[in-house]
């Protein structure tokens, strides 16, 4: 599954996918309620746990900035996050999705 075209125009800048991790199995959900509840209210159930297959890309925005983009194969999860460096984007993917640095493919 391809998240985006390898070269994309954004704010007059050409962006290039510099690393990709494909078909990464992840689990999301299971988060307990942590907010305020009124007296006598029932405790909400945790968010449902779901298993997904996710593709991730790191896009070079120039000036060492990167965008981590992700999308599940079933289309129910997608998004992107900005990082000041490639190293931070790789660390972010590891924290959010458990992607090991060895799972990335460079210069795609």
N, C-alpha and C. Protein backbone atom coordinates (compact mmCIF):
# COMPACT_ATOMS: atom_id res chain seq x y z
N UNK A 1 0.84 -1.16 0.00
CA UNK A 1 0.00 0.00 0.00
C UNK A 1 0.89 1.23 0.00
N UNK A 2 0.60 2.19 -0.85
CA UNK A 2 1.37 3.41 -0.94
C UNK A 2 0.60 4.52 -0.26
N UNK A 3 1.27 5.23 0.64
CA UNK A 3 0.63 6.33 1.35
C UNK A 3 0.54 7.57 0.49
N UNK A 4 1.59 7.84 -0.26
CA UNK A 4 1.61 9.06 -1.04
C UNK A 4 2.58 8.88 -2.20
N UNK A 5 2.54 9.83 -3.07
CA UNK A 5 3.49 9.86 -4.18
C UNK A 5 4.88 10.15 -3.61
N UNK A 6 5.94 9.49 -4.10
CA UNK A 6 7.27 9.73 -3.55
C UNK A 6 7.72 11.19 -3.58
N UNK A 7 7.27 11.95 -4.56
CA UNK A 7 7.57 13.38 -4.58
C UNK A 7 6.26 14.14 -4.52
N UNK A 8 6.14 15.03 -3.56
CA UNK A 8 4.90 15.76 -3.35
C UNK A 8 5.22 17.23 -3.17
N UNK A 9 4.41 18.09 -3.75
CA UNK A 9 4.60 19.53 -3.57
C UNK A 9 3.87 19.99 -2.32
N UNK A 10 4.55 20.78 -1.49
CA UNK A 10 3.95 21.32 -0.27
C UNK A 10 4.62 22.64 0.01
N UNK A 11 3.87 23.70 0.05
CA UNK A 11 4.39 25.04 0.29
C UNK A 11 5.54 25.39 -0.65
N UNK A 12 5.44 24.96 -1.89
CA UNK A 12 6.47 25.26 -2.85
C UNK A 12 7.73 24.43 -2.70
N UNK A 13 7.72 23.45 -1.82
CA UNK A 13 8.88 22.61 -1.57
C UNK A 13 8.60 21.21 -2.10
N UNK A 14 9.62 20.59 -2.70
CA UNK A 14 9.49 19.20 -3.12
C UNK A 14 9.84 18.32 -1.94
N UNK A 15 8.92 17.42 -1.58
CA UNK A 15 9.15 16.51 -0.47
C UNK A 15 9.43 15.13 -1.04
N UNK A 16 10.32 14.40 -0.39
CA UNK A 16 10.69 13.08 -0.86
C UNK A 16 10.60 12.09 0.29
N UNK A 17 9.99 10.93 0.02
CA UNK A 17 9.96 9.85 1.00
C UNK A 17 11.39 9.34 1.12
N UNK A 18 11.93 9.36 2.35
CA UNK A 18 13.31 8.92 2.54
C UNK A 18 13.40 7.59 3.27
N UNK A 19 12.34 7.21 3.98
CA UNK A 19 12.32 5.91 4.63
C UNK A 19 10.89 5.39 4.66
N UNK A 20 10.77 4.06 4.64
CA UNK A 20 9.44 3.44 4.63
C UNK A 20 9.50 2.15 5.46
N UNK A 21 8.46 1.92 6.23
CA UNK A 21 8.27 0.65 6.94
C UNK A 21 6.89 0.15 6.52
N UNK A 22 6.85 -1.01 5.91
CA UNK A 22 5.60 -1.52 5.33
C UNK A 22 5.08 -2.71 6.11
N UNK A 23 3.74 -2.80 6.15
CA UNK A 23 3.02 -3.94 6.73
C UNK A 23 3.47 -4.24 8.16
N UNK A 24 3.49 -3.20 8.97
CA UNK A 24 3.88 -3.34 10.38
C UNK A 24 2.64 -3.72 11.20
N UNK A 25 2.67 -4.87 11.89
CA UNK A 25 1.53 -5.23 12.74
C UNK A 25 1.55 -4.41 14.03
N UNK A 26 0.42 -3.78 14.36
CA UNK A 26 0.32 -2.98 15.58
C UNK A 26 -1.00 -3.26 16.28
N UNK A 27 -1.03 -2.99 17.56
CA UNK A 27 -2.27 -3.03 18.33
C UNK A 27 -2.53 -1.64 18.87
N UNK A 28 -3.76 -1.17 18.73
CA UNK A 28 -4.14 0.12 19.28
C UNK A 28 -5.32 -0.08 20.21
N UNK A 29 -5.52 0.88 21.08
CA UNK A 29 -6.64 0.81 22.02
C UNK A 29 -6.21 0.32 23.37
N UNK A 30 -7.21 -0.05 24.18
CA UNK A 30 -6.96 -0.51 25.54
C UNK A 30 -6.67 0.61 26.50
N UNK A 31 -7.03 1.83 26.14
CA UNK A 31 -6.74 2.99 26.98
C UNK A 31 -7.87 3.18 27.99
N UNK A 32 -7.48 3.26 29.25
CA UNK A 32 -8.44 3.47 30.34
C UNK A 32 -8.88 4.93 30.36
N UNK A 33 -10.10 5.16 30.82
CA UNK A 33 -10.60 6.52 31.00
C UNK A 33 -9.77 7.22 32.06
N UNK A 34 -9.39 8.48 31.80
CA UNK A 34 -8.55 9.19 32.76
C UNK A 34 -9.12 10.55 33.13
N UNK A 35 -10.26 10.91 32.60
CA UNK A 35 -10.82 12.22 32.87
C UNK A 35 -11.75 12.24 34.07
N UNK A 36 -12.28 13.40 34.34
CA UNK A 36 -13.18 13.61 35.47
C UNK A 36 -14.52 12.95 35.18
N UNK A 37 -15.14 12.40 36.19
CA UNK A 37 -16.49 11.85 36.11
C UNK A 37 -17.31 12.42 37.25
N UNK A 38 -18.58 12.70 37.02
CA UNK A 38 -19.42 13.20 38.12
C UNK A 38 -19.65 12.10 39.15
N UNK A 39 -19.98 12.50 40.36
CA UNK A 39 -20.28 11.54 41.43
C UNK A 39 -21.37 10.57 40.98
N UNK A 40 -21.15 9.29 41.21
CA UNK A 40 -22.13 8.26 40.88
C UNK A 40 -22.10 7.79 39.44
N UNK A 41 -21.24 8.38 38.61
CA UNK A 41 -21.18 7.97 37.20
C UNK A 41 -20.46 6.63 37.07
N UNK A 42 -20.85 5.87 36.07
CA UNK A 42 -20.17 4.60 35.78
C UNK A 42 -18.82 4.87 35.15
N UNK A 43 -17.88 4.00 35.47
CA UNK A 43 -16.54 4.10 34.85
C UNK A 43 -16.64 3.58 33.41
N UNK A 44 -16.30 4.41 32.42
CA UNK A 44 -16.34 3.94 31.03
C UNK A 44 -15.36 2.79 30.81
N UNK A 45 -15.71 1.92 29.88
CA UNK A 45 -14.82 0.83 29.51
C UNK A 45 -13.61 1.37 28.77
N UNK A 46 -12.49 0.64 28.80
CA UNK A 46 -11.33 1.05 27.99
C UNK A 46 -11.70 1.04 26.51
N UNK A 47 -10.94 1.78 25.73
CA UNK A 47 -11.16 1.75 24.29
C UNK A 47 -10.88 0.35 23.78
N UNK A 48 -11.63 -0.11 22.78
CA UNK A 48 -11.42 -1.47 22.27
C UNK A 48 -10.01 -1.66 21.71
N UNK A 49 -9.44 -2.83 21.94
CA UNK A 49 -8.14 -3.17 21.38
C UNK A 49 -8.36 -3.72 19.97
N UNK A 50 -7.58 -3.18 19.02
CA UNK A 50 -7.67 -3.64 17.64
C UNK A 50 -6.28 -3.94 17.10
N UNK A 51 -6.20 -4.97 16.29
CA UNK A 51 -4.96 -5.31 15.60
C UNK A 51 -5.04 -4.77 14.18
N UNK A 52 -4.01 -4.05 13.77
CA UNK A 52 -3.98 -3.44 12.45
C UNK A 52 -2.65 -3.72 11.78
N UNK A 53 -2.63 -3.60 10.47
CA UNK A 53 -1.40 -3.61 9.68
C UNK A 53 -1.23 -2.18 9.16
N UNK A 54 -0.06 -1.59 9.45
CA UNK A 54 0.16 -0.17 9.17
C UNK A 54 1.39 0.00 8.28
N UNK A 55 1.27 0.91 7.31
CA UNK A 55 2.40 1.35 6.50
C UNK A 55 2.80 2.73 6.99
N UNK A 56 4.12 2.96 7.10
CA UNK A 56 4.63 4.24 7.57
C UNK A 56 5.66 4.77 6.58
N UNK A 57 5.69 6.09 6.44
CA UNK A 57 6.68 6.77 5.60
C UNK A 57 7.25 7.95 6.37
N UNK A 58 8.52 8.22 6.15
CA UNK A 58 9.13 9.44 6.65
C UNK A 58 9.48 10.29 5.44
N UNK A 59 8.95 11.50 5.43
CA UNK A 59 9.13 12.41 4.31
C UNK A 59 10.08 13.54 4.74
N UNK A 60 11.05 13.82 3.88
CA UNK A 60 12.00 14.92 4.12
C UNK A 60 11.33 16.23 3.75
N UNK A 61 11.17 17.13 4.72
CA UNK A 61 10.57 18.44 4.47
C UNK A 61 11.62 19.51 4.20
N UNK A 62 12.89 19.15 4.24
CA UNK A 62 13.96 20.11 4.08
C UNK A 62 14.35 20.70 5.43
N UNK A 63 15.53 21.28 5.50
CA UNK A 63 16.04 21.87 6.74
C UNK A 63 16.03 20.87 7.89
N UNK A 64 16.25 19.60 7.61
CA UNK A 64 16.31 18.46 8.53
C UNK A 64 14.95 18.08 9.12
N UNK A 65 13.88 18.81 8.80
CA UNK A 65 12.54 18.50 9.31
C UNK A 65 11.95 17.30 8.57
N UNK A 66 11.15 16.51 9.28
CA UNK A 66 10.54 15.31 8.69
C UNK A 66 9.07 15.20 9.07
N UNK A 67 8.34 14.51 8.24
CA UNK A 67 6.94 14.20 8.50
C UNK A 67 6.80 12.69 8.54
N UNK A 68 6.28 12.17 9.64
CA UNK A 68 5.99 10.75 9.77
C UNK A 68 4.52 10.55 9.40
N UNK A 69 4.26 9.84 8.31
CA UNK A 69 2.90 9.57 7.85
C UNK A 69 2.60 8.09 8.06
N UNK A 70 1.36 7.79 8.42
CA UNK A 70 0.97 6.39 8.64
C UNK A 70 -0.46 6.16 8.21
N UNK A 71 -0.72 4.93 7.75
CA UNK A 71 -2.07 4.55 7.34
C UNK A 71 -2.22 3.05 7.49
N UNK A 72 -3.34 2.64 8.09
CA UNK A 72 -3.61 1.21 8.22
C UNK A 72 -4.15 0.68 6.90
N UNK A 73 -3.94 -0.61 6.67
CA UNK A 73 -4.41 -1.23 5.43
C UNK A 73 -5.93 -1.19 5.30
N UNK A 74 -6.64 -1.21 6.43
CA UNK A 74 -8.11 -1.18 6.35
C UNK A 74 -8.65 0.25 6.29
N UNK A 75 -7.78 1.25 6.36
CA UNK A 75 -8.18 2.64 6.23
C UNK A 75 -8.79 3.27 7.47
N UNK A 76 -8.81 2.57 8.59
CA UNK A 76 -9.44 3.12 9.80
C UNK A 76 -8.50 3.98 10.63
N UNK A 77 -7.22 3.96 10.33
CA UNK A 77 -6.24 4.76 11.06
C UNK A 77 -5.30 5.42 10.07
N UNK A 78 -5.16 6.72 10.16
CA UNK A 78 -4.20 7.43 9.33
C UNK A 78 -3.86 8.75 10.01
N UNK A 79 -2.71 9.27 9.66
CA UNK A 79 -2.32 10.56 10.22
C UNK A 79 -0.88 10.87 9.89
N UNK A 80 -0.41 11.99 10.42
CA UNK A 80 0.99 12.35 10.27
C UNK A 80 1.41 13.21 11.45
N UNK A 81 2.70 13.21 11.72
CA UNK A 81 3.28 13.98 12.80
C UNK A 81 4.57 14.62 12.31
N UNK A 82 4.79 15.89 12.69
CA UNK A 82 5.98 16.62 12.31
C UNK A 82 7.07 16.38 13.34
N UNK A 83 8.32 16.26 12.86
CA UNK A 83 9.48 16.09 13.73
C UNK A 83 10.61 16.99 13.24
N UNK A 84 11.43 17.44 14.15
CA UNK A 84 12.54 18.34 13.82
C UNK A 84 13.69 17.61 13.15
N UNK A 85 13.73 16.27 13.24
CA UNK A 85 14.83 15.52 12.63
C UNK A 85 14.38 14.11 12.27
N UNK A 86 15.17 13.46 11.43
CA UNK A 86 14.91 12.07 11.07
C UNK A 86 14.98 11.17 12.30
N UNK A 87 15.96 11.40 13.15
CA UNK A 87 16.12 10.58 14.35
C UNK A 87 14.89 10.68 15.25
N UNK A 88 14.33 11.88 15.39
CA UNK A 88 13.12 12.06 16.20
C UNK A 88 11.92 11.36 15.57
N UNK A 89 11.82 11.38 14.24
CA UNK A 89 10.71 10.71 13.56
C UNK A 89 10.80 9.19 13.76
N UNK A 90 12.01 8.64 13.66
CA UNK A 90 12.19 7.20 13.88
C UNK A 90 11.84 6.85 15.33
N UNK A 91 12.27 7.67 16.26
CA UNK A 91 11.94 7.45 17.68
C UNK A 91 10.43 7.56 17.92
N UNK A 92 9.78 8.52 17.25
CA UNK A 92 8.33 8.67 17.37
C UNK A 92 7.58 7.45 16.87
N UNK A 93 8.03 6.89 15.75
CA UNK A 93 7.40 5.69 15.20
C UNK A 93 7.59 4.50 16.14
N UNK A 94 8.74 4.45 16.78
CA UNK A 94 8.99 3.36 17.72
C UNK A 94 8.09 3.50 18.95
N UNK A 95 7.92 4.72 19.44
CA UNK A 95 7.06 4.95 20.61
C UNK A 95 5.59 4.70 20.30
N UNK A 96 5.12 5.16 19.15
CA UNK A 96 3.70 5.04 18.81
C UNK A 96 3.31 3.66 18.32
N UNK A 97 4.19 3.04 17.51
CA UNK A 97 3.82 1.80 16.81
C UNK A 97 4.75 0.62 17.08
N UNK A 98 5.83 0.84 17.81
CA UNK A 98 6.77 -0.23 18.08
C UNK A 98 7.64 -0.59 16.89
N UNK A 99 7.83 0.35 15.96
CA UNK A 99 8.65 0.09 14.77
C UNK A 99 10.12 0.15 15.17
N UNK A 100 10.82 -0.96 15.03
CA UNK A 100 12.25 -1.00 15.34
C UNK A 100 13.03 -0.27 14.25
N UNK A 101 14.14 0.36 14.61
CA UNK A 101 14.95 1.06 13.58
C UNK A 101 15.35 0.15 12.43
N UNK A 102 15.48 -1.15 12.66
CA UNK A 102 15.87 -2.08 11.59
C UNK A 102 14.73 -2.36 10.60
N UNK A 103 13.50 -1.96 10.93
CA UNK A 103 12.37 -2.20 10.03
C UNK A 103 12.26 -1.17 8.92
N UNK A 104 13.02 -0.09 9.02
CA UNK A 104 12.94 0.97 8.01
C UNK A 104 13.76 0.61 6.79
N UNK A 105 13.25 0.96 5.61
CA UNK A 105 13.95 0.81 4.35
C UNK A 105 14.27 2.21 3.86
N UNK A 106 15.54 2.47 3.53
CA UNK A 106 15.97 3.80 3.15
C UNK A 106 15.91 4.02 1.65
N UNK A 107 15.89 5.31 1.28
CA UNK A 107 15.96 5.73 -0.12
C UNK A 107 14.95 5.01 -1.00
N UNK A 108 13.70 5.07 -0.61
CA UNK A 108 12.64 4.39 -1.37
C UNK A 108 12.00 5.35 -2.35
